[in-house]
Amino acid sequence: MQKEWKADVTPVTETDFLINKMLIEAVNSTFPSHGILAEEESDMKAGAEYVWVCDPVDGTMPFSHGVPICAFSLALVKDGESILGVVYDPFSDRLFSAVKNQGAMLNGNSISVSKIDTFKGALGDFEGGSSAHYDLFPMVRHLGMNEMTKLMKLSSFIYPSVLVAAGEFAFTLFPSKSTHDAAAVKIIVEEAGGKVTDIFGNEQRYDEPINGLIASNGILHDRLVELAKKFVEVRG
């Protein structure tokens, strides 16, 4: 598969660009007053009430190296609030979706977060590298070594986050500012009964750069925020 490397040393493929282009054409044709905020190319409209936020290929790193882990992500944001989200895994044909106040679904069936109330044995995902705004590794080390949490790094933040909504993961941690990695996660996880905030537990808008993200089953959320405040550091 042909791929290029961005300035932040992450890959981008022709698939990323093609899906991004298709989205812009579709939105501008159907909802010409709506803004578009996407990973590869955006088309924001001044004063737009609605913004479509898209990650054409979440998980480009594994996808571009032949590993079948990736998802398409799209959210509709109204005045900064996610009100609709869809995430699609083309390899397993799994469609996660949510509409505000209508619950979260997986292939048309209702899903909900897990009830796990301890870090011991809980499954979590963390993302980010040397270019991320926050350094999660002190927190990750504490969770793994002291709390006996099972931690994975799929190089695809949205996918494990919607698996929080499905009850498979207990939480995910994200250290960067990219809104396209967060907008659909916000509504799908919360409509499944979980909680999503910035890295320090605050609400935030999803039509502008974010302040990191914690997505959880809700039960563990306050404890994750406490650990973030204690261990997470801003990179110099």
Protein backbone atom coordinates (compact mmCIF):
# COMPACT_ATOMS: atom_id res chain seq x y z
CA MET A 1 0.00 0.00 0.00
CA GLN A 2 1.30 3.44 -0.94
CA LYS A 3 1.79 5.74 2.01
CA GLU A 4 3.47 9.01 2.82
CA TRP A 5 4.81 10.27 6.12
CA LYS A 6 3.57 13.46 7.75
CA ALA A 7 5.69 15.92 9.71
CA ASP A 8 4.64 14.22 12.98
CA VAL A 9 6.01 10.90 11.64
CA THR A 10 2.59 9.32 11.18
CA PRO A 11 1.54 7.75 7.88
CA VAL A 12 -1.17 8.85 5.47
CA THR A 13 -2.50 6.79 2.55
CA GLU A 14 -4.47 7.45 -0.62
CA THR A 15 -7.44 5.92 1.21
CA ASP A 16 -7.33 8.69 3.83
CA PHE A 17 -7.38 11.37 1.14
CA LEU A 18 -10.07 9.70 -0.96
CA ILE A 19 -12.53 9.23 1.93
CA ASN A 20 -11.86 12.77 3.16
CA LYS A 21 -12.58 14.16 -0.33
CA MET A 22 -15.79 12.12 -0.63
CA LEU A 23 -16.99 13.44 2.73
CA ILE A 24 -16.41 17.09 1.78
CA GLU A 25 -18.24 16.62 -1.51
CA ALA A 26 -21.20 14.86 0.16
CA VAL A 27 -21.61 17.41 2.97
CA ASN A 28 -21.24 20.43 0.71
CA SER A 29 -23.81 18.96 -1.66
CA THR A 30 -26.38 18.06 1.01
CA PHE A 31 -25.69 20.54 3.82
CA PRO A 32 -23.88 23.49 2.21
CA SER A 33 -24.05 25.66 5.36
CA HIS A 34 -22.41 23.02 7.57
CA GLY A 35 -18.72 23.08 8.43
CA ILE A 36 -16.37 20.13 7.93
CA LEU A 37 -13.46 19.38 10.24
CA ALA A 38 -11.49 16.35 9.07
CA GLU A 39 -8.01 14.97 9.52
CA GLU A 40 -6.66 15.44 6.01
CA GLU A 41 -8.66 18.42 4.75
CA SER A 42 -11.33 20.64 6.31
CA ASP A 43 -13.90 23.09 4.99
CA MET A 44 -15.03 25.17 7.95
CA LYS A 45 -17.78 27.77 7.45
CA ALA A 46 -17.71 30.97 9.51
CA GLY A 47 -20.40 30.89 12.18
CA ALA A 48 -21.63 27.39 11.25
CA GLU A 49 -24.01 25.92 13.84
CA TYR A 50 -23.29 22.37 12.64
CA VAL A 51 -19.89 20.82 11.96
CA TRP A 52 -19.18 17.33 10.63
CA VAL A 53 -16.04 15.95 12.29
CA CYS A 54 -14.33 13.06 10.52
CA ASP A 55 -11.36 10.75 10.79
CA PRO A 56 -11.36 8.99 7.42
CA VAL A 57 -9.07 6.19 8.63
CA ASP A 58 -8.53 5.94 12.36
CA GLY A 59 -5.62 3.56 12.72
CA THR A 60 -3.68 4.48 9.60
CA MET A 61 -0.49 3.10 11.17
CA PRO A 62 -1.67 -0.53 11.43
CA PHE A 63 -3.83 -0.23 8.29
CA SER A 64 -0.93 0.99 6.15
CA HIS A 65 1.25 -1.88 7.33
CA GLY A 66 -1.24 -4.63 6.58
CA VAL A 67 -2.68 -5.02 10.08
CA PRO A 68 -6.52 -5.16 9.93
CA ILE A 69 -7.24 -2.60 12.64
CA CYS A 70 -8.87 0.63 11.56
CA ALA A 71 -12.20 2.43 11.48
CA PHE A 72 -14.03 5.27 9.75
CA SER A 73 -15.33 7.87 12.21
CA LEU A 74 -17.86 10.64 11.70
CA ALA A 75 -19.69 12.89 14.17
CA LEU A 76 -22.18 15.70 13.81
CA VAL A 77 -21.45 18.50 16.25
CA LYS A 78 -23.94 21.26 17.07
CA ASP A 79 -22.54 24.35 18.78
CA GLY A 80 -19.60 22.29 20.07
CA GLU A 81 -21.68 19.32 21.30
CA SER A 82 -21.58 15.91 19.63
CA ILE A 83 -25.15 14.90 18.79
CA LEU A 84 -24.58 12.00 16.39
CA GLY A 85 -21.72 9.59 15.85
CA VAL A 86 -20.87 6.61 13.65
CA VAL A 87 -17.76 4.43 13.65
CA TYR A 88 -17.36 1.64 11.10
CA ASP A 89 -14.88 -1.24 11.09
CA PRO A 90 -14.70 -2.46 7.47
CA PHE A 91 -12.84 -5.67 8.32
CA SER A 92 -15.35 -7.04 10.84
CA ASP A 93 -18.33 -5.20 9.32
CA ARG A 94 -19.19 -3.61 12.65
CA LEU A 95 -21.07 -0.31 12.76
CA PHE A 96 -21.15 1.58 16.07
CA SER A 97 -23.64 4.43 16.19
CA ALA A 98 -25.35 6.81 18.58
CA VAL A 99 -27.82 9.67 18.47
CA LYS A 100 -28.24 12.00 21.43
CA ASN A 101 -30.74 10.64 23.97
CA GLN A 102 -31.35 7.50 21.89
CA GLY A 103 -28.64 5.15 23.20
CA ALA A 104 -25.69 3.49 21.47
CA MET A 105 -25.88 0.63 18.99
CA LEU A 106 -23.63 -1.98 17.40
CA ASN A 107 -25.05 -3.28 14.12
CA GLY A 108 -28.50 -2.24 15.28
CA ASN A 109 -28.28 -3.85 18.71
CA SER A 110 -28.11 -1.83 21.93
CA ILE A 111 -24.75 -1.76 23.72
CA SER A 112 -23.62 -0.58 27.15
CA VAL A 113 -20.40 -0.06 29.08
CA SER A 114 -18.92 -2.57 31.50
CA LYS A 115 -19.62 -2.60 35.25
CA ILE A 116 -16.03 -3.21 36.32
CA ASP A 117 -15.21 -1.07 39.36
CA THR A 118 -11.54 -1.82 39.92
CA PHE A 119 -8.38 -1.21 37.94
CA LYS A 120 -7.12 -4.71 38.71
CA GLY A 121 -7.77 -6.80 35.63
CA ALA A 122 -9.48 -3.94 33.79
CA LEU A 123 -8.59 -3.55 30.12
CA GLY A 124 -7.54 -0.10 28.97
CA ASP A 125 -5.94 1.47 25.91
CA PHE A 126 -3.57 4.43 25.73
CA GLU A 127 -2.34 6.23 22.65
CA GLY A 128 0.17 8.90 21.76
CA GLY A 129 3.89 9.19 21.22
CA SER A 130 6.70 11.69 21.42
CA SER A 131 4.73 14.36 19.53
CA ALA A 132 1.69 14.21 21.83
CA HIS A 133 0.81 17.26 23.93
CA TYR A 134 0.74 15.26 27.16
CA ASP A 135 3.03 12.54 28.47
CA LEU A 136 0.83 9.66 29.64
CA PHE A 137 3.60 7.22 30.42
CA PRO A 138 3.96 7.99 34.16
CA MET A 139 0.21 7.33 34.53
CA VAL A 140 0.38 4.23 32.35
CA ARG A 141 3.29 2.84 34.37
CA HIS A 142 1.36 3.38 37.59
CA LEU A 143 -1.74 1.65 36.21
CA GLY A 144 0.24 -1.31 34.92
CA MET A 145 2.70 -1.77 37.77
CA ASN A 146 0.73 -0.63 40.82
CA GLU A 147 -2.90 -1.21 39.86
CA MET A 148 -2.36 -4.39 37.79
CA THR A 149 -4.37 -2.97 34.90
CA LYS A 150 -4.19 -4.69 31.52
CA LEU A 151 -3.07 -2.08 28.99
CA MET A 152 -2.99 -2.18 25.21
CA LYS A 153 -1.89 0.27 22.51
CA LEU A 154 -3.72 -0.39 19.25
CA SER A 155 -2.43 2.74 17.44
CA SER A 156 -6.11 3.49 16.84
CA PHE A 157 -7.79 5.54 19.57
CA ILE A 158 -11.35 5.59 18.27
CA TYR A 159 -11.67 1.83 17.87
CA PRO A 160 -10.82 0.85 21.47
CA SER A 161 -12.93 3.78 22.64
CA VAL A 162 -16.09 2.47 20.97
CA LEU A 163 -15.19 -0.89 22.50
CA VAL A 164 -15.54 0.93 25.83
CA ALA A 165 -19.12 1.60 24.74
CA ALA A 166 -19.53 -2.10 23.94
CA GLY A 167 -18.26 -3.15 27.38
CA GLU A 168 -15.02 -4.73 26.14
CA PHE A 169 -12.57 -2.04 27.33
CA ALA A 170 -12.96 -0.20 30.66
CA PHE A 171 -11.26 3.01 29.51
CA THR A 172 -9.06 4.72 26.95
CA LEU A 173 -6.56 7.57 27.34
CA PHE A 174 -5.64 10.09 24.66
CA PRO A 175 -2.92 12.77 25.06
CA SER A 176 -3.37 14.92 21.96
CA LYS A 177 -5.49 17.79 20.65
CA SER A 178 -7.01 16.30 17.47
CA THR A 179 -10.79 16.68 17.60
CA HIS A 180 -11.37 14.14 14.83
CA ASP A 181 -10.15 11.47 17.27
CA ALA A 182 -12.73 12.46 19.87
CA ALA A 183 -16.05 13.77 18.57
CA ALA A 184 -17.70 10.43 17.74
CA VAL A 185 -16.22 8.83 20.86
CA LYS A 186 -17.92 11.42 23.05
CA ILE A 187 -21.47 10.60 22.05
CA ILE A 188 -21.13 6.85 21.46
CA VAL A 189 -19.50 6.16 24.84
CA GLU A 190 -21.83 8.44 26.79
CA GLU A 191 -24.96 7.11 25.08
CA ALA A 192 -23.76 3.65 26.16
CA GLY A 193 -23.68 4.82 29.79
CA GLY A 194 -20.03 5.85 30.07
CA LYS A 195 -18.29 9.16 30.52
CA VAL A 196 -15.97 11.23 28.31
CA THR A 197 -14.04 14.34 29.38
CA ASP A 198 -10.75 16.04 28.70
CA ILE A 199 -7.67 14.55 30.32
CA PHE A 200 -8.34 16.42 33.58
CA GLY A 201 -12.06 15.74 33.86
CA ASN A 202 -13.48 18.86 32.21
CA GLU A 203 -16.15 19.12 29.54
CA GLN A 204 -14.96 20.53 26.22
CA ARG A 205 -16.10 21.47 22.72
CA TYR A 206 -15.72 19.08 19.80
CA ASP A 207 -15.47 21.56 16.95
CA GLU A 208 -12.03 22.86 17.96
CA PRO A 209 -8.77 21.40 19.34
CA ILE A 210 -9.33 19.29 22.45
CA ASN A 211 -7.37 19.01 25.69
CA GLY A 212 -6.73 15.27 25.54
CA LEU A 213 -9.41 12.72 26.37
CA ILE A 214 -10.45 10.09 28.88
CA ALA A 215 -13.26 7.77 27.81
CA SER A 216 -14.44 5.30 30.44
CA ASN A 217 -17.28 3.17 31.74
CA GLY A 218 -18.04 6.04 34.12
CA ILE A 219 -17.41 4.00 37.25
CA LEU A 220 -13.64 4.40 36.98
CA HIS A 221 -13.72 7.92 35.57
CA ASP A 222 -13.11 10.01 38.69
CA ARG A 223 -10.19 7.78 39.70
CA LEU A 224 -8.67 8.07 36.23
CA VAL A 225 -8.95 11.87 36.43
CA GLU A 226 -7.24 11.84 39.84
CA LEU A 227 -4.37 9.81 38.41
CA ALA A 228 -4.13 12.11 35.39
CA LYS A 229 -3.85 15.15 37.64
CA LYS A 230 -1.14 13.41 39.63
CA PHE A 231 0.93 11.82 36.87
CA VAL A 232 0.26 13.39 33.46
CA GLU A 233 2.81 15.98 32.38
CA VAL A 234 2.80 18.57 29.60
CA ARG A 235 5.61 17.96 27.12
CA GLY A 236 8.14 20.73 26.84
